[in-house]
């Protein structure tokens, strides 16, 4: 059993009386980003020069100069004007593409800035001379209504061909979303895969001493920007998960000594109680259609997995074995569930049908298997492998092709990016006990730490924003 699981199972026994209401200011509902037609003649050309060999992706040199502007105008997003904001947008795009480990982008601080007229008519000789294979151009225009128009173009330098273009109307406060949308456009066009940059991450923000830890529900953008606390910390928050439609966050809270599963509505800031138990309860998870919630509950020393309608109601027990059955992550089609159990004498991973039948062990590779989570693609399961240290690993749904991706002292609780290409987890430092959120790609060669204002654990990656 992981250290985190031991702490969760005992939390209800030591929780002090707490306030029943623990919400901070609501986030407010995300407004869909409006797409617009951007400057350029005709339709985008066919995708020639697409890289389909994964081993060659990292060889793509992408030049991302500062986005131009048709005229300098101050904006609430940057008082230095739309030109300075165009440089910031290019920096965010560069960081997005660099941090996923597939490309070699060069950002605006090392490149000449094109004029506005060059956005749709690049001087390709300038960029081929710098060794660029792909070129990203864009512009920022301030509208009279206060909103911004951001255009994004991707060119193949060798072919001197426009591959794709798109534009968005955003409020000044959402300028970073336009950068993430542009990075998503580039990523999808060059890889043929679904994007993930314009998404959010929910996690648990941790402060205070070890014997009196304050754990608050928090969210941030996929790159660690725009951090916000959603709860005040008077009640302990644990294990958040986004709903499939992005409108809600599911989490566990200990209030008045009893564990409660809440659904937090992102738009209104209101929360709904799904179930309350006097027994230790952990690891709530959504079904892919958002209709059900899985959770684990300990009764008389035996922990089993239960299913309950997301609107509340009668719970249904799915496992009934001596020992500890914990977790539960649905396959993308909702037909199967992967979970962990110590019924064989050690902590291992199992799969079962969604109704609890056909339970079968899948981990036979040595060590222990914990906190499994099914990939959005359905082809892999990420989990915590415990073999001395705690490390993040992946395997096929049948337990084969196991690969360890991280080598930290205590890396655990993996969660997938919306496209199933990047895995997020939290790492605890051996000497200090401090925790932080990290990301790793499926090669295991590209790790990065996400910036958070305080210690962080239990990350959950949400779907692409509307």
Protein backbone atom coordinates (compact mmCIF):
# COMPACT_ATOMS: atom_id res chain seq x y z
CA UNK A 1 0.00 0.00 0.00
CA UNK A 2 1.38 3.46 -0.92
CA UNK A 3 2.14 6.01 1.76
CA UNK A 4 -0.51 8.27 0.26
CA UNK A 5 -3.16 5.53 0.53
CA UNK A 6 -2.30 4.89 4.18
CA UNK A 7 -2.74 8.57 4.91
CA UNK A 8 -6.09 8.70 3.11
CA UNK A 9 -7.51 5.65 4.87
CA UNK A 10 -6.65 7.05 8.30
CA UNK A 11 -7.61 10.68 7.65
CA UNK A 12 -11.22 10.25 8.72
CA UNK A 13 -10.14 8.96 12.10
CA UNK A 14 -8.07 12.03 12.97
CA UNK A 15 -9.91 14.82 11.18
CA UNK A 16 -10.92 17.68 13.45
CA UNK A 17 -14.39 19.26 13.28
CA UNK A 18 -14.47 21.53 10.24
CA UNK A 19 -16.74 24.04 8.61
CA UNK A 20 -19.25 22.55 6.20
CA UNK A 21 -18.69 25.31 3.62
CA UNK A 22 -15.15 25.70 2.32
CA UNK A 23 -15.51 27.37 -1.07
CA UNK A 24 -13.60 30.39 -2.26
CA UNK A 25 -14.61 32.69 -5.10
CA UNK A 26 -16.07 30.85 -8.12
CA UNK A 27 -13.91 30.54 -11.22
CA UNK A 28 -16.63 31.61 -13.59
CA UNK A 29 -17.65 29.63 -16.63
CA UNK A 30 -15.21 29.38 -19.52
CA UNK A 31 -16.46 31.13 -22.63
CA UNK A 32 -15.67 29.22 -25.83
CA UNK A 33 -12.92 30.87 -27.84
CA UNK A 34 -14.39 32.39 -30.99
CA UNK A 35 -12.67 31.40 -34.24
CA UNK A 36 -12.39 33.99 -37.01
CA UNK A 37 -11.18 34.10 -40.60
CA UNK A 38 -7.64 35.47 -40.71
CA UNK A 39 -5.76 37.28 -43.46
CA UNK A 40 -4.66 35.20 -46.46
CA UNK A 41 -5.80 34.19 -49.89
CA UNK A 42 -7.47 30.84 -50.64
CA UNK A 43 -7.47 27.74 -48.52
CA UNK A 44 -4.52 26.34 -46.60
CA UNK A 45 -2.38 24.08 -48.77
CA UNK A 46 -2.23 20.30 -48.45
CA UNK A 47 -0.14 18.93 -45.62
CA UNK A 48 3.06 18.14 -47.41
CA UNK A 49 6.12 17.77 -45.24
CA UNK A 50 4.16 16.16 -42.40
CA UNK A 51 6.36 14.18 -40.05
CA UNK A 52 4.88 10.77 -39.28
CA UNK A 53 8.01 9.02 -37.97
CA UNK A 54 8.03 9.68 -34.22
CA UNK A 55 11.81 9.33 -34.02
CA UNK A 56 12.16 12.27 -36.44
CA UNK A 57 9.82 14.65 -34.65
CA UNK A 58 12.56 16.01 -32.43
CA UNK A 59 14.51 16.99 -35.56
CA UNK A 60 11.95 19.57 -36.62
CA UNK A 61 13.34 23.06 -36.20
CA UNK A 62 10.47 25.52 -35.75
CA UNK A 63 11.09 29.26 -35.87
CA UNK A 64 8.59 31.28 -33.81
CA UNK A 65 9.31 35.01 -34.11
CA UNK A 66 7.30 37.63 -32.24
CA UNK A 67 3.76 38.10 -33.50
CA UNK A 68 3.31 41.35 -35.41
CA UNK A 69 0.64 44.00 -35.01
CA UNK A 70 -1.06 46.24 -37.54
CA UNK A 71 -0.80 49.21 -35.19
CA UNK A 72 0.43 49.68 -31.66
CA UNK A 73 -2.40 49.99 -29.19
CA UNK A 74 -2.37 49.58 -25.41
CA UNK A 75 -4.34 46.67 -24.04
CA UNK A 76 -5.20 45.53 -20.51
CA UNK A 77 -3.19 42.38 -21.24
CA UNK A 78 0.01 44.39 -21.75
CA UNK A 79 0.30 48.12 -21.19
CA UNK A 80 3.33 48.24 -23.50
CA UNK A 81 0.95 47.55 -26.35
CA UNK A 82 -0.04 44.91 -28.85
CA UNK A 83 3.53 44.56 -30.15
CA UNK A 84 4.86 43.56 -26.73
CA UNK A 85 1.91 41.20 -26.29
CA UNK A 86 2.80 39.57 -29.61
CA UNK A 87 6.23 38.74 -28.25
CA UNK A 88 4.71 37.22 -25.10
CA UNK A 89 2.36 35.07 -27.16
CA UNK A 90 5.28 33.75 -29.21
CA UNK A 91 7.16 32.93 -25.99
CA UNK A 92 4.24 30.87 -24.66
CA UNK A 93 3.94 28.96 -27.95
CA UNK A 94 7.67 28.26 -27.92
CA UNK A 95 7.53 26.95 -24.35
CA UNK A 96 4.53 24.74 -25.13
CA UNK A 97 6.21 23.09 -28.11
CA UNK A 98 9.58 22.75 -26.40
CA UNK A 99 8.29 21.25 -23.19
CA UNK A 100 6.48 18.33 -24.82
CA UNK A 101 9.81 16.96 -26.06
CA UNK A 102 8.88 16.50 -29.73
CA UNK A 103 10.19 19.65 -31.38
CA UNK A 104 13.11 22.04 -31.32
CA UNK A 105 11.53 25.48 -31.43
CA UNK A 106 13.47 28.73 -31.42
CA UNK A 107 11.58 31.59 -29.83
CA UNK A 108 11.22 35.31 -30.45
CA UNK A 109 14.12 36.42 -28.26
CA UNK A 110 16.60 34.86 -30.72
CA UNK A 111 14.90 35.79 -33.98
CA UNK A 112 14.21 38.90 -36.10
CA UNK A 113 10.68 40.23 -35.85
CA UNK A 114 8.72 40.24 -39.11
CA UNK A 115 6.60 43.17 -40.13
CA UNK A 116 2.84 42.89 -40.35
CA UNK A 117 2.89 42.55 -44.15
CA UNK A 118 5.23 39.55 -43.90
CA UNK A 119 2.80 37.50 -41.84
CA UNK A 120 1.00 36.28 -44.95
CA UNK A 121 4.05 36.68 -47.25
CA UNK A 122 7.09 35.31 -45.42
CA UNK A 123 10.60 35.95 -46.68
CA UNK A 124 11.42 32.25 -46.77
CA UNK A 125 15.10 32.81 -47.60
CA UNK A 126 15.57 34.48 -44.23
CA UNK A 127 14.35 31.41 -42.41
CA UNK A 128 15.91 28.70 -44.57
CA UNK A 129 19.23 30.42 -43.99
CA UNK A 130 18.70 29.93 -40.27
CA UNK A 131 18.00 26.21 -40.67
CA UNK A 132 14.29 26.45 -39.92
CA UNK A 133 12.11 23.69 -41.32
CA UNK A 134 8.84 25.17 -40.09
CA UNK A 135 7.88 28.78 -39.50
CA UNK A 136 5.16 30.16 -37.23
CA UNK A 137 3.89 33.65 -38.02
CA UNK A 138 1.11 35.52 -36.30
CA UNK A 139 -0.37 38.85 -35.41
CA UNK A 140 -2.24 40.62 -32.61
CA UNK A 141 -4.88 43.22 -33.39
CA UNK A 142 -6.81 45.24 -30.81
CA UNK A 143 -10.49 45.67 -31.69
CA UNK A 144 -12.57 48.71 -30.85
CA UNK A 145 -14.69 46.61 -28.47
CA UNK A 146 -11.61 45.92 -26.32
CA UNK A 147 -11.14 42.34 -27.43
CA UNK A 148 -8.14 40.97 -29.31
CA UNK A 149 -7.85 39.14 -32.62
CA UNK A 150 -4.92 36.74 -32.73
CA UNK A 151 -3.94 35.07 -36.00
CA UNK A 152 -1.66 32.02 -36.27
CA UNK A 153 0.01 30.64 -39.42
CA UNK A 154 2.24 27.61 -39.95
CA UNK A 155 4.52 27.42 -43.00
CA UNK A 156 6.77 24.72 -44.45
CA UNK A 157 9.98 26.65 -45.18
CA UNK A 158 11.48 24.21 -47.72
CA UNK A 159 8.26 23.95 -49.71
CA UNK A 160 7.44 27.63 -49.14
CA UNK A 161 3.92 26.46 -48.44
CA UNK A 162 1.25 27.46 -45.93
CA UNK A 163 0.17 24.38 -44.00
CA UNK A 164 -2.58 25.80 -41.81
CA UNK A 165 -3.90 29.04 -40.35
CA UNK A 166 -6.51 29.99 -37.81
CA UNK A 167 -7.57 33.01 -35.79
CA UNK A 168 -9.37 33.65 -32.50
CA UNK A 169 -11.14 36.49 -30.78
CA UNK A 170 -10.31 36.60 -27.07
CA UNK A 171 -10.68 38.95 -24.15
CA UNK A 172 -7.41 40.55 -23.01
CA UNK A 173 -7.47 38.34 -19.90
CA UNK A 174 -7.50 35.24 -22.13
CA UNK A 175 -4.52 36.13 -24.31
CA UNK A 176 -2.62 33.04 -23.08
CA UNK A 177 -5.43 30.84 -24.39
CA UNK A 178 -4.81 32.15 -27.90
CA UNK A 179 -1.15 31.14 -27.53
CA UNK A 180 -2.14 27.65 -26.36
CA UNK A 181 -4.67 27.39 -29.21
CA UNK A 182 -1.91 28.26 -31.68
CA UNK A 183 0.42 25.66 -30.14
CA UNK A 184 -2.41 23.11 -30.35
CA UNK A 185 -2.93 23.97 -34.03
CA UNK A 186 0.76 23.44 -34.80
CA UNK A 187 1.01 20.25 -32.76
CA UNK A 188 -2.04 18.69 -34.40
CA UNK A 189 -1.00 19.66 -37.94
CA UNK A 190 2.51 18.26 -37.63
CA UNK A 191 1.75 15.10 -35.67
CA UNK A 192 -1.79 14.20 -36.68
CA UNK A 193 -2.66 13.81 -32.99
CA UNK A 194 -5.16 15.51 -30.73
CA UNK A 195 -3.92 18.63 -28.92
CA UNK A 196 -3.62 19.28 -25.21
CA UNK A 197 -2.06 22.69 -24.49
CA UNK A 198 -5.35 24.60 -23.99
CA UNK A 199 -6.35 22.57 -20.94
CA UNK A 200 -6.34 22.98 -17.19
CA UNK A 201 -4.96 20.94 -14.31
CA UNK A 202 -6.62 20.45 -10.95
CA UNK A 203 -4.46 19.54 -7.97
CA UNK A 204 -4.12 19.75 -4.21
CA UNK A 205 -2.16 22.73 -2.89
CA UNK A 206 -0.40 21.87 0.38
CA UNK A 207 0.89 24.23 3.06
CA UNK A 208 1.74 24.07 6.76
CA UNK A 209 3.64 21.59 8.94
CA UNK A 210 3.37 17.84 8.40
CA UNK A 211 1.23 17.30 11.50
CA UNK A 212 -1.23 20.07 10.52
CA UNK A 213 -1.21 20.09 6.74
CA UNK A 214 -3.65 22.40 4.93
CA UNK A 215 -4.84 20.92 1.62
CA UNK A 216 -6.81 23.10 -0.77
CA UNK A 217 -8.34 22.39 -4.15
CA UNK A 218 -6.55 24.43 -6.82
CA UNK A 219 -6.40 24.75 -10.61
CA UNK A 220 -3.94 26.11 -13.16
CA UNK A 221 -3.30 26.10 -16.90
CA UNK A 222 -1.44 23.19 -18.47
CA UNK A 223 1.83 25.15 -18.31
CA UNK A 224 1.41 26.15 -14.66
CA UNK A 225 0.13 29.69 -15.31
CA UNK A 226 -3.09 31.29 -14.00
CA UNK A 227 -3.11 29.49 -10.67
CA UNK A 228 -6.24 29.71 -8.50
CA UNK A 229 -7.39 28.25 -5.18
CA UNK A 230 -10.98 26.97 -5.24
CA UNK A 231 -11.36 26.04 -1.57
CA UNK A 232 -10.26 27.97 1.50
CA UNK A 233 -8.52 25.17 3.38
CA UNK A 234 -10.76 24.86 6.42
CA UNK A 235 -11.63 21.35 5.19
CA UNK A 236 -9.13 18.91 3.73
CA UNK A 237 -9.51 18.41 -0.04
CA UNK A 238 -8.16 15.34 -1.82
CA UNK A 239 -7.96 13.57 -5.22
CA UNK A 240 -9.68 15.98 -7.66
CA UNK A 241 -10.85 14.87 -11.12
CA UNK A 242 -12.40 16.85 -13.99
CA UNK A 243 -15.70 15.71 -15.43
CA UNK A 244 -15.56 14.48 -19.04
CA UNK A 245 -17.30 17.64 -20.27
CA UNK A 246 -14.97 19.91 -18.25
CA UNK A 247 -17.88 21.60 -16.45
CA UNK A 248 -17.25 20.12 -12.98
CA UNK A 249 -14.54 18.90 -10.62
CA UNK A 250 -15.04 15.85 -8.43
CA UNK A 251 -13.13 15.73 -5.15
CA UNK A 252 -13.07 14.23 -1.69
CA UNK A 253 -13.38 16.40 1.41
CA UNK A 254 -13.27 15.61 5.13
CA UNK A 255 -15.89 17.73 6.89
CA UNK A 256 -16.91 17.29 10.53
CA UNK A 257 -14.76 14.16 10.65
CA UNK A 258 -16.68 12.43 7.86
CA UNK A 259 -15.49 11.93 4.28
CA UNK A 260 -17.73 13.47 1.66
CA UNK A 261 -17.61 13.32 -2.13
CA UNK A 262 -18.45 16.66 -3.74
CA UNK A 263 -18.98 17.82 -7.30
CA UNK A 264 -17.83 21.42 -7.79
CA UNK A 265 -19.51 23.32 -10.65
CA UNK A 266 -16.82 25.37 -12.37
CA UNK A 267 -19.18 27.97 -13.80
CA UNK A 268 -21.25 28.77 -10.70
CA UNK A 269 -18.80 27.84 -7.95
CA UNK A 270 -21.51 25.76 -6.27
CA UNK A 271 -20.87 22.26 -5.03
CA UNK A 272 -23.19 19.28 -4.70
CA UNK A 273 -22.81 16.52 -2.13
CA UNK A 274 -22.82 13.13 -3.86
CA UNK A 275 -22.38 10.89 -0.82
CA UNK A 276 -21.26 11.07 2.79
CA UNK A 277 -19.90 8.11 4.76
CA UNK A 278 -18.69 7.57 8.27
CA UNK A 279 -16.23 5.00 6.95
CA UNK A 280 -12.89 5.95 5.38
CA UNK A 281 -13.53 6.80 1.72
CA UNK A 282 -10.99 7.48 -1.02
CA UNK A 283 -10.30 7.88 -4.74
CA UNK A 284 -13.54 9.08 -6.41
CA UNK A 285 -13.42 8.82 -10.21
CA UNK A 286 -15.81 9.69 -13.06
CA UNK A 287 -17.19 7.27 -15.61
CA UNK A 288 -16.44 8.36 -19.22
CA UNK A 289 -20.05 9.43 -19.77
CA UNK A 290 -20.15 11.41 -16.52
CA UNK A 291 -23.13 9.46 -15.19
CA UNK A 292 -21.38 7.49 -12.45
CA UNK A 293 -18.69 7.92 -9.84
CA UNK A 294 -16.45 5.17 -8.52
CA UNK A 295 -15.02 5.34 -5.02
CA UNK A 296 -13.46 3.04 -2.45
CA UNK A 297 -14.72 2.62 1.12
CA UNK A 298 -13.39 0.67 4.09
CA UNK A 299 -15.98 -1.22 6.16
CA UNK A 300 -14.90 -3.36 9.11
CA UNK A 301 -11.34 -3.49 7.85
CA UNK A 302 -12.28 -4.49 4.30
CA UNK A 303 -12.01 -1.94 1.49
CA UNK A 304 -14.10 -2.36 -1.67
CA UNK A 305 -14.94 -0.36 -4.77
CA UNK A 306 -18.43 1.14 -5.12
CA UNK A 307 -20.34 2.88 -7.88
CA UNK A 308 -22.88 5.66 -7.34
CA UNK A 309 -24.83 7.90 -9.73
CA UNK A 310 -23.11 11.27 -10.16
CA UNK A 311 -26.31 12.94 -8.91
CA UNK A 312 -26.26 10.86 -5.73
CA UNK A 313 -28.41 7.96 -4.65
CA UNK A 314 -27.85 4.30 -3.84
CA UNK A 315 -24.31 2.92 -4.03
CA UNK A 316 -23.54 -0.43 -5.65
CA UNK A 317 -20.59 -2.50 -4.46
CA UNK A 318 -18.47 -3.83 -7.34
CA UNK A 319 -15.84 -5.82 -5.43
CA UNK A 320 -16.28 -8.16 -2.48
CA UNK A 321 -12.95 -9.70 -1.57
CA UNK A 322 -11.01 -9.89 1.68
CA UNK A 323 -8.37 -7.17 1.68
CA UNK A 324 -8.08 -3.74 0.14
CA UNK A 325 -9.54 -2.96 -3.31
CA UNK A 326 -8.81 0.65 -4.22
CA UNK A 327 -8.93 3.06 -7.09
CA UNK A 328 -10.85 2.35 -10.17
CA UNK A 329 -10.26 3.99 -13.53
CA UNK A 330 -12.58 3.33 -16.44
CA UNK A 331 -11.40 2.42 -19.91
CA UNK A 332 -12.33 5.16 -22.43
CA UNK A 333 -15.27 3.10 -23.72
CA UNK A 334 -16.59 2.62 -20.17
CA UNK A 335 -16.65 -1.17 -20.45
CA UNK A 336 -13.82 -2.02 -18.06
CA UNK A 337 -12.25 -0.75 -14.86
CA UNK A 338 -8.63 -1.03 -13.73
CA UNK A 339 -7.98 -1.01 -9.99
CA UNK A 340 -5.49 -2.10 -7.34
CA UNK A 341 -5.90 -4.85 -4.76
CA UNK A 342 -3.81 -6.74 -2.24
CA UNK A 343 -5.97 -9.89 -2.43
CA UNK A 344 -2.99 -11.88 -3.76
CA UNK A 345 -0.85 -10.92 -0.77
CA UNK A 346 0.78 -7.86 -2.32
CA UNK A 347 -0.52 -4.71 -3.92
CA UNK A 348 -1.20 -5.47 -7.62
CA UNK A 349 -3.31 -4.15 -10.50
CA UNK A 350 -6.48 -5.84 -11.77
CA UNK A 351 -9.12 -5.25 -14.42
CA UNK A 352 -12.83 -6.05 -14.28
CA UNK A 353 -15.93 -5.39 -16.32
CA UNK A 354 -17.85 -2.23 -15.48
CA UNK A 355 -20.40 -4.24 -13.48
CA UNK A 356 -17.69 -5.81 -11.29
CA UNK A 357 -17.55 -9.20 -13.04
CA UNK A 358 -14.54 -10.94 -14.63
CA UNK A 359 -11.95 -9.63 -12.18
CA UNK A 360 -8.44 -10.53 -13.35
CA UNK A 361 -4.93 -9.66 -12.20
CA UNK A 362 -2.72 -8.08 -14.89
CA UNK A 363 0.53 -7.11 -13.10
CA UNK A 364 3.14 -9.90 -12.85
CA UNK A 365 6.41 -8.03 -13.35
CA UNK A 366 7.83 -7.81 -9.82
CA UNK A 367 7.29 -5.13 -7.24
CA UNK A 368 3.88 -3.67 -6.49
CA UNK A 369 1.34 -1.91 -8.69
CA UNK A 370 -0.75 1.04 -7.45
CA UNK A 371 -2.87 4.02 -8.59
CA UNK A 372 -3.56 2.76 -12.14
CA UNK A 373 -5.18 5.07 -14.67
CA UNK A 374 -6.33 4.16 -18.17
CA UNK A 375 -5.02 6.23 -21.09
CA UNK A 376 -7.60 8.30 -23.02
CA UNK A 377 -6.49 6.30 -26.07
CA UNK A 378 -7.25 3.02 -24.33
CA UNK A 379 -3.95 1.44 -25.35
CA UNK A 380 -2.00 1.83 -22.09
CA UNK A 381 -2.41 2.02 -18.34
CA UNK A 382 -0.19 4.30 -16.25
CA UNK A 383 0.49 3.30 -12.66
CA UNK A 384 2.81 3.69 -9.71
CA UNK A 385 5.38 0.90 -9.62
CA UNK A 386 6.75 0.24 -6.15
CA UNK A 387 10.03 -1.66 -6.18
CA UNK A 388 12.05 0.04 -3.47
CA UNK A 389 11.39 3.50 -4.87
CA UNK A 390 8.07 4.74 -6.24
CA UNK A 391 8.15 5.33 -10.00
CA UNK A 392 5.65 6.05 -12.76
CA UNK A 393 5.33 3.26 -15.32
CA UNK A 394 3.04 2.19 -18.15
CA UNK A 395 1.79 -1.17 -19.40
CA UNK A 396 -0.73 -2.54 -21.86
CA UNK A 397 -4.28 -3.29 -20.63
CA UNK A 398 -3.28 -6.96 -20.42
CA UNK A 399 -0.21 -6.19 -18.29
CA UNK A 400 2.42 -6.57 -21.01
CA UNK A 401 5.08 -4.20 -22.31
CA UNK A 402 5.74 -2.65 -18.92
CA UNK A 403 8.09 0.38 -19.03
CA UNK A 404 9.30 2.52 -16.14
CA UNK A 405 9.28 6.21 -17.13
CA UNK A 406 10.63 8.01 -14.05
CA UNK A 407 13.44 7.39 -11.58
CA UNK A 408 12.59 9.58 -8.62
CA UNK A 409 12.52 8.49 -5.00
CA UNK A 410 8.74 8.82 -4.71
CA UNK A 411 6.85 9.49 -7.95
CA UNK A 412 3.16 8.55 -7.85
CA UNK A 413 -0.46 9.14 -8.90
CA UNK A 414 -0.10 9.42 -12.69
CA UNK A 415 -2.75 11.22 -14.74
CA UNK A 416 -2.91 11.52 -18.53
CA UNK A 417 -2.95 14.53 -20.85
CA UNK A 418 -6.16 14.70 -22.92
CA UNK A 419 -4.36 13.23 -25.95
CA UNK A 420 -2.72 10.39 -24.02
CA UNK A 421 0.82 11.45 -24.89
CA UNK A 422 2.04 13.12 -21.66
CA UNK A 423 1.71 11.81 -18.10
CA UNK A 424 1.53 14.01 -15.05
CA UNK A 425 2.39 12.89 -11.51
CA UNK A 426 3.62 14.27 -8.21
CA UNK A 427 7.09 13.81 -6.77
CA UNK A 428 8.03 13.87 -3.10
CA UNK A 429 11.59 14.84 -2.18
CA UNK A 430 13.41 12.36 0.00
CA UNK A 431 15.08 14.76 2.40
CA UNK A 432 12.50 17.52 2.72
CA UNK A 433 9.20 15.70 2.15
CA UNK A 434 8.09 18.51 -0.15
CA UNK A 435 5.90 17.56 -3.10
CA UNK A 436 5.63 19.03 -6.60
CA UNK A 437 3.93 18.28 -9.92
CA UNK A 438 5.91 16.90 -12.83
CA UNK A 439 5.26 15.82 -16.40
CA UNK A 440 6.96 13.13 -18.46
CA UNK A 441 6.39 11.99 -22.04
CA UNK A 442 6.02 8.36 -23.08
CA UNK A 443 9.72 8.05 -23.92
CA UNK A 444 10.60 8.80 -20.29
CA UNK A 445 13.31 11.16 -21.54
CA UNK A 446 11.57 14.50 -21.18
CA UNK A 447 10.65 15.48 -17.63
CA UNK A 448 9.65 18.93 -16.46
CA UNK A 449 8.43 20.40 -13.21
CA UNK A 450 5.36 22.62 -13.26
CA UNK A 451 5.60 25.84 -11.25
CA UNK A 452 3.18 26.07 -8.32
CA UNK A 453 3.16 28.72 -5.57
CA UNK A 454 3.08 26.06 -2.83
CA UNK A 455 3.66 22.31 -2.52
CA UNK A 456 1.40 20.30 -4.82
CA UNK A 457 0.05 16.74 -5.05
CA UNK A 458 -2.76 14.64 -6.60
CA UNK A 459 -2.79 16.24 -10.07
CA UNK A 460 -5.65 15.65 -12.50
CA UNK A 461 -5.45 16.75 -16.13
CA UNK A 462 -8.69 18.10 -17.56
CA UNK A 463 -9.96 17.87 -21.15
CA UNK A 464 -9.40 20.50 -23.83
CA UNK A 465 -11.25 23.69 -22.98
CA UNK A 466 -14.14 24.83 -25.20
